[in-house]
Protein backbone atom coordinates (compact mmCIF):
# COMPACT_ATOMS: atom_id res chain seq x y z
CA MET A 1 -4.44 -15.34 -12.05
CA LYS A 2 -1.64 -12.81 -12.57
CA LEU A 3 -2.76 -9.34 -11.58
CA LEU A 4 0.45 -7.31 -11.57
CA GLU A 5 3.69 -8.32 -13.27
CA ALA A 6 7.03 -6.49 -13.38
CA ASN A 7 9.64 -7.58 -15.88
CA GLY A 8 13.29 -6.56 -15.86
CA ILE A 9 12.87 -3.59 -13.51
CA SER A 10 15.97 -1.44 -13.04
CA LYS A 11 16.29 1.82 -11.15
CA GLY A 12 19.17 4.02 -10.11
CA TYR A 13 19.89 7.53 -8.88
CA LYS A 14 22.65 9.96 -9.76
CA ILE A 15 24.74 11.34 -6.93
CA GLY A 16 27.25 13.75 -8.42
CA ASP A 17 29.02 11.92 -11.22
CA LYS A 18 28.09 8.50 -9.90
CA LYS A 19 24.95 6.48 -10.56
CA ILE A 20 23.87 4.29 -7.68
CA LYS A 21 21.93 1.21 -8.74
CA ILE A 22 19.00 0.43 -6.47
CA LEU A 23 17.17 -2.26 -8.44
CA GLU A 24 18.60 -4.24 -11.33
CA ASN A 25 16.69 -6.51 -13.74
CA LEU A 26 14.12 -7.46 -11.11
CA ASP A 27 11.01 -9.53 -11.87
CA PHE A 28 7.90 -9.57 -9.69
CA VAL A 29 4.46 -11.16 -9.90
CA LEU A 30 1.35 -10.53 -7.81
CA CYS A 31 -1.66 -12.79 -8.20
CA GLU A 32 -5.28 -11.97 -7.46
CA GLY A 33 -6.02 -11.99 -3.72
CA GLU A 34 -2.37 -12.56 -2.82
CA LYS A 35 -0.41 -10.88 -0.02
CA VAL A 36 3.30 -10.27 -0.65
CA ALA A 37 5.77 -8.82 1.85
CA ILE A 38 8.86 -6.97 0.64
CA ILE A 39 11.79 -7.09 3.05
CA GLY A 40 15.47 -6.23 2.98
CA PRO A 41 18.06 -4.02 4.64
CA SER A 42 17.94 -0.24 4.51
CA GLY A 43 18.85 1.00 1.04
CA SER A 44 17.95 -2.26 -0.72
CA GLY A 45 15.13 -0.59 -2.68
CA LYS A 46 11.99 -1.73 -0.84
CA SER A 47 10.13 1.57 -1.02
CA THR A 48 11.52 2.28 -4.48
CA LEU A 49 10.08 -0.99 -5.78
CA LEU A 50 6.73 -0.34 -4.10
CA ASN A 51 6.56 3.12 -5.68
CA ILE A 52 7.40 1.74 -9.12
CA LEU A 53 4.83 -1.05 -8.89
CA SER A 54 2.13 1.43 -7.83
CA GLY A 55 2.94 4.06 -10.45
CA LEU A 56 4.26 6.62 -7.96
CA ASP A 57 7.71 6.40 -9.55
CA LYS A 58 9.15 5.39 -12.91
CA CYS A 59 11.69 2.66 -13.56
CA ASP A 60 14.74 3.29 -15.76
CA SER A 61 14.01 0.15 -17.74
CA GLY A 62 11.57 -2.73 -17.70
CA SER A 63 7.79 -2.92 -17.79
CA ILE A 64 4.87 -3.05 -15.35
CA MET A 65 1.85 -5.01 -16.52
CA PHE A 66 -1.47 -4.55 -14.70
CA LYS A 67 -4.26 -6.85 -15.85
CA GLY A 68 -2.29 -7.45 -19.04
CA LYS A 69 -1.78 -3.77 -19.86
CA ASP A 70 1.61 -2.05 -19.77
CA ILE A 71 1.17 0.82 -17.32
CA SER A 72 4.84 1.79 -17.04
CA LYS A 73 4.49 4.29 -19.88
CA LEU A 74 1.38 6.01 -18.54
CA THR A 75 1.71 9.64 -17.48
CA GLY A 76 -0.45 12.55 -16.30
CA PRO A 77 -4.23 12.10 -16.07
CA ALA A 78 -4.13 8.51 -17.35
CA LEU A 79 -1.80 7.48 -14.53
CA VAL A 80 -3.84 9.34 -11.90
CA LYS A 81 -7.03 7.68 -13.17
CA LEU A 82 -5.38 4.24 -12.99
CA ARG A 83 -4.26 4.75 -9.39
CA ARG A 84 -7.57 6.21 -8.21
CA GLY A 85 -9.57 3.43 -9.76
CA ASN A 86 -7.42 0.47 -8.79
CA PHE A 87 -4.87 1.18 -6.06
CA GLY A 88 -5.08 2.02 -2.37
CA PHE A 89 -2.15 3.38 -0.35
CA ILE A 90 -1.15 3.21 3.31
CA PHE A 91 1.93 5.07 4.52
CA GLN A 92 3.97 5.10 7.72
CA GLU A 93 3.10 8.73 8.49
CA PHE A 94 -0.71 8.10 8.33
CA CYS A 95 -1.21 11.14 6.01
CA LEU A 96 -4.50 12.18 7.63
CA VAL A 97 -5.92 15.68 7.22
CA ASN A 98 -5.67 17.28 10.67
CA THR A 99 -8.69 19.55 10.15
CA LEU A 100 -11.01 16.66 9.28
CA ASN A 101 -12.44 14.11 11.68
CA ALA A 102 -11.87 10.39 11.17
CA LEU A 103 -15.04 9.89 9.14
CA ASP A 104 -14.28 12.73 6.75
CA ASN A 105 -10.69 11.51 6.36
CA ILE A 106 -12.12 8.20 5.15
CA LEU A 107 -14.69 9.82 2.86
CA VAL A 108 -12.04 11.98 1.18
CA SER A 109 -10.88 8.98 -0.84
CA VAL A 110 -14.45 8.14 -1.86
CA TYR A 111 -14.99 11.62 -3.30
CA ALA A 112 -11.54 11.58 -4.91
CA CYS A 113 -12.55 8.43 -6.77
CA GLY A 114 -15.70 10.16 -8.01
CA GLN A 115 -17.95 7.85 -6.01
CA LYS A 116 -20.93 8.49 -3.78
CA PRO A 117 -20.32 7.15 -0.27
CA GLN A 118 -22.43 4.18 0.77
CA MET A 119 -22.62 5.00 4.45
CA GLU A 120 -23.75 1.56 5.57
CA GLU A 121 -20.62 0.10 4.00
CA VAL A 122 -18.47 2.82 5.55
CA TYR A 123 -19.87 2.18 9.03
CA GLU A 124 -19.57 -1.59 8.65
CA LEU A 125 -15.91 -1.30 7.64
CA CYS A 126 -15.23 1.02 10.58
CA LYS A 127 -16.83 -1.47 12.97
CA GLU A 128 -14.68 -4.18 11.41
CA LEU A 129 -11.57 -2.09 12.12
CA GLY A 130 -12.66 -1.06 15.60
CA ILE A 131 -12.88 2.68 14.94
CA TYR A 132 -16.65 3.15 14.67
CA GLU A 133 -16.79 4.89 18.06
CA ARG A 134 -13.99 7.26 17.02
CA LEU A 135 -15.41 8.62 13.78
CA GLU A 136 -16.13 12.09 15.17
CA HIS A 137 -12.64 12.42 16.63
CA PHE A 138 -9.88 14.41 14.93
CA PRO A 139 -6.39 12.98 14.28
CA HIS A 140 -4.87 14.68 17.33
CA GLN A 141 -7.45 12.86 19.48
CA LEU A 142 -6.52 9.42 18.13
CA SER A 143 -3.74 7.04 19.09
CA GLY A 144 -1.18 5.97 16.51
CA GLY A 145 -2.92 2.63 16.05
CA GLU A 146 -6.30 4.32 15.58
CA LYS A 147 -4.85 6.74 13.02
CA GLN A 148 -3.47 3.85 11.02
CA ARG A 149 -6.79 2.03 11.13
CA VAL A 150 -8.45 5.17 9.75
CA ALA A 151 -5.83 5.11 6.99
CA ILE A 152 -6.64 1.45 6.30
CA ALA A 153 -10.36 2.26 6.07
CA ARG A 154 -9.56 5.14 3.71
CA ALA A 155 -7.57 2.77 1.49
CA ILE A 156 -10.14 -0.04 1.49
CA ILE A 157 -13.42 1.88 1.17
CA CYS A 158 -13.04 2.52 -2.57
CA LYS A 159 -12.63 -1.24 -3.13
CA PRO A 160 -9.22 -1.10 -4.83
CA THR A 161 -7.75 -4.09 -6.61
CA ILE A 162 -4.42 -3.72 -4.79
CA ILE A 163 -3.32 -1.99 -1.60
CA PHE A 164 0.30 -0.84 -1.38
CA SER A 165 1.54 -0.38 2.17
CA ASP A 166 4.92 1.20 2.96
CA GLU A 167 6.05 0.49 6.54
CA ALA A 168 2.48 1.07 7.75
CA THR A 169 3.36 -0.08 11.28
CA GLY A 170 6.73 1.67 11.45
CA ASN A 171 5.53 4.30 13.93
CA LEU A 172 3.65 1.87 16.17
CA ASP A 173 4.68 -0.19 19.17
CA LYS A 174 4.83 -3.98 18.84
CA LYS A 175 1.33 -4.59 20.21
CA ASN A 176 -0.30 -2.09 17.85
CA SER A 177 1.89 -3.20 14.94
CA LYS A 178 0.56 -6.73 15.24
CA LEU A 179 -3.03 -5.56 15.72
CA VAL A 180 -2.96 -3.21 12.72
CA MET A 181 -1.30 -5.80 10.48
CA GLU A 182 -3.84 -8.45 11.49
CA MET A 183 -6.69 -6.08 10.68
CA LEU A 184 -5.15 -5.09 7.36
CA ALA A 185 -4.58 -8.70 6.31
CA GLU A 186 -8.07 -9.80 7.39
CA SER A 187 -9.77 -6.85 5.69
CA CYS A 188 -7.90 -7.52 2.44
CA LYS A 189 -8.94 -11.15 2.59
CA LYS A 190 -12.57 -10.30 3.33
CA HIS A 191 -12.80 -7.75 0.51
CA ASN A 192 -10.67 -9.78 -1.95
CA ILE A 193 -7.96 -7.12 -2.19
CA SER A 194 -4.38 -8.02 -3.07
CA LEU A 195 -1.74 -6.58 -0.76
CA VAL A 196 1.89 -5.61 -1.28
CA TYR A 197 3.57 -4.38 1.88
CA VAL A 198 7.03 -3.24 2.85
CA THR A 199 8.13 -4.07 6.38
CA HIS A 200 11.30 -4.23 8.46
CA ASP A 201 9.54 -6.20 11.20
CA MET A 202 10.13 -9.92 10.62
CA GLU A 203 7.23 -10.79 12.93
CA LEU A 204 4.84 -9.28 10.35
CA VAL A 205 6.12 -11.42 7.49
CA LYS A 206 3.86 -14.26 8.62
CA TYR A 207 0.81 -12.43 7.26
CA ALA A 208 2.15 -12.74 3.70
CA ASP A 209 1.57 -15.57 1.26
CA ARG A 210 5.03 -14.89 -0.20
CA VAL A 211 8.08 -12.86 0.74
CA LEU A 212 10.36 -10.99 -1.63
CA ASP A 213 13.73 -10.51 0.08
CA LEU A 214 15.62 -7.73 -1.70
CA GLY A 215 18.63 -8.35 0.50
CA ASN A 216 19.10 -11.78 -1.03
CA LEU A 217 17.11 -11.23 -4.22
CA TYR A 218 15.08 -14.38 -3.98
CA GLU A 219 11.53 -15.23 -3.01
CA LYS A 220 10.90 -17.38 0.04
């Protein structure tokens, strides 16, 4: 079943008197439970597309349909409500709060969604991700891989429909990149969450059901 559908997406930026086209008349479909990797050379629009699909940025033209509803025109509180209730985000820089321990960093998203934390579920997810023993530790006491697993738990705990991941393993070594990606893919599968992820690491493409190559503008 189609979950997210982009039709005719175009996006450009003005630099002086020139407008640089990043995306042009691009179509994209994400089905329920599907994992899609977005690849391409630097400047091909990978992060731009991810931001447009997730409502963090606006396209110049085209439409974004989520569960049959056009969300590309949403603004303000309506857009924030949509993202909080349906989307999870994982970024390259981890985006953890340094003054909060790992557990509280995870619970922040629960409170932001207006939910009451179900601690048994929280602890079970943390065991699944191998960070249960690190919940009282602060970000500066965690390795890069552990920080990213905290970020994954934070994204998953609110049970989003889709997780958007932008170069989540970009700051990790190869061993941790593979481990984190495996955990992310398995957790999404277990919790029936669709995943759209940007990566420059071709070894991580294997975790996707489909690949959108913006360098060649075709799907493999």
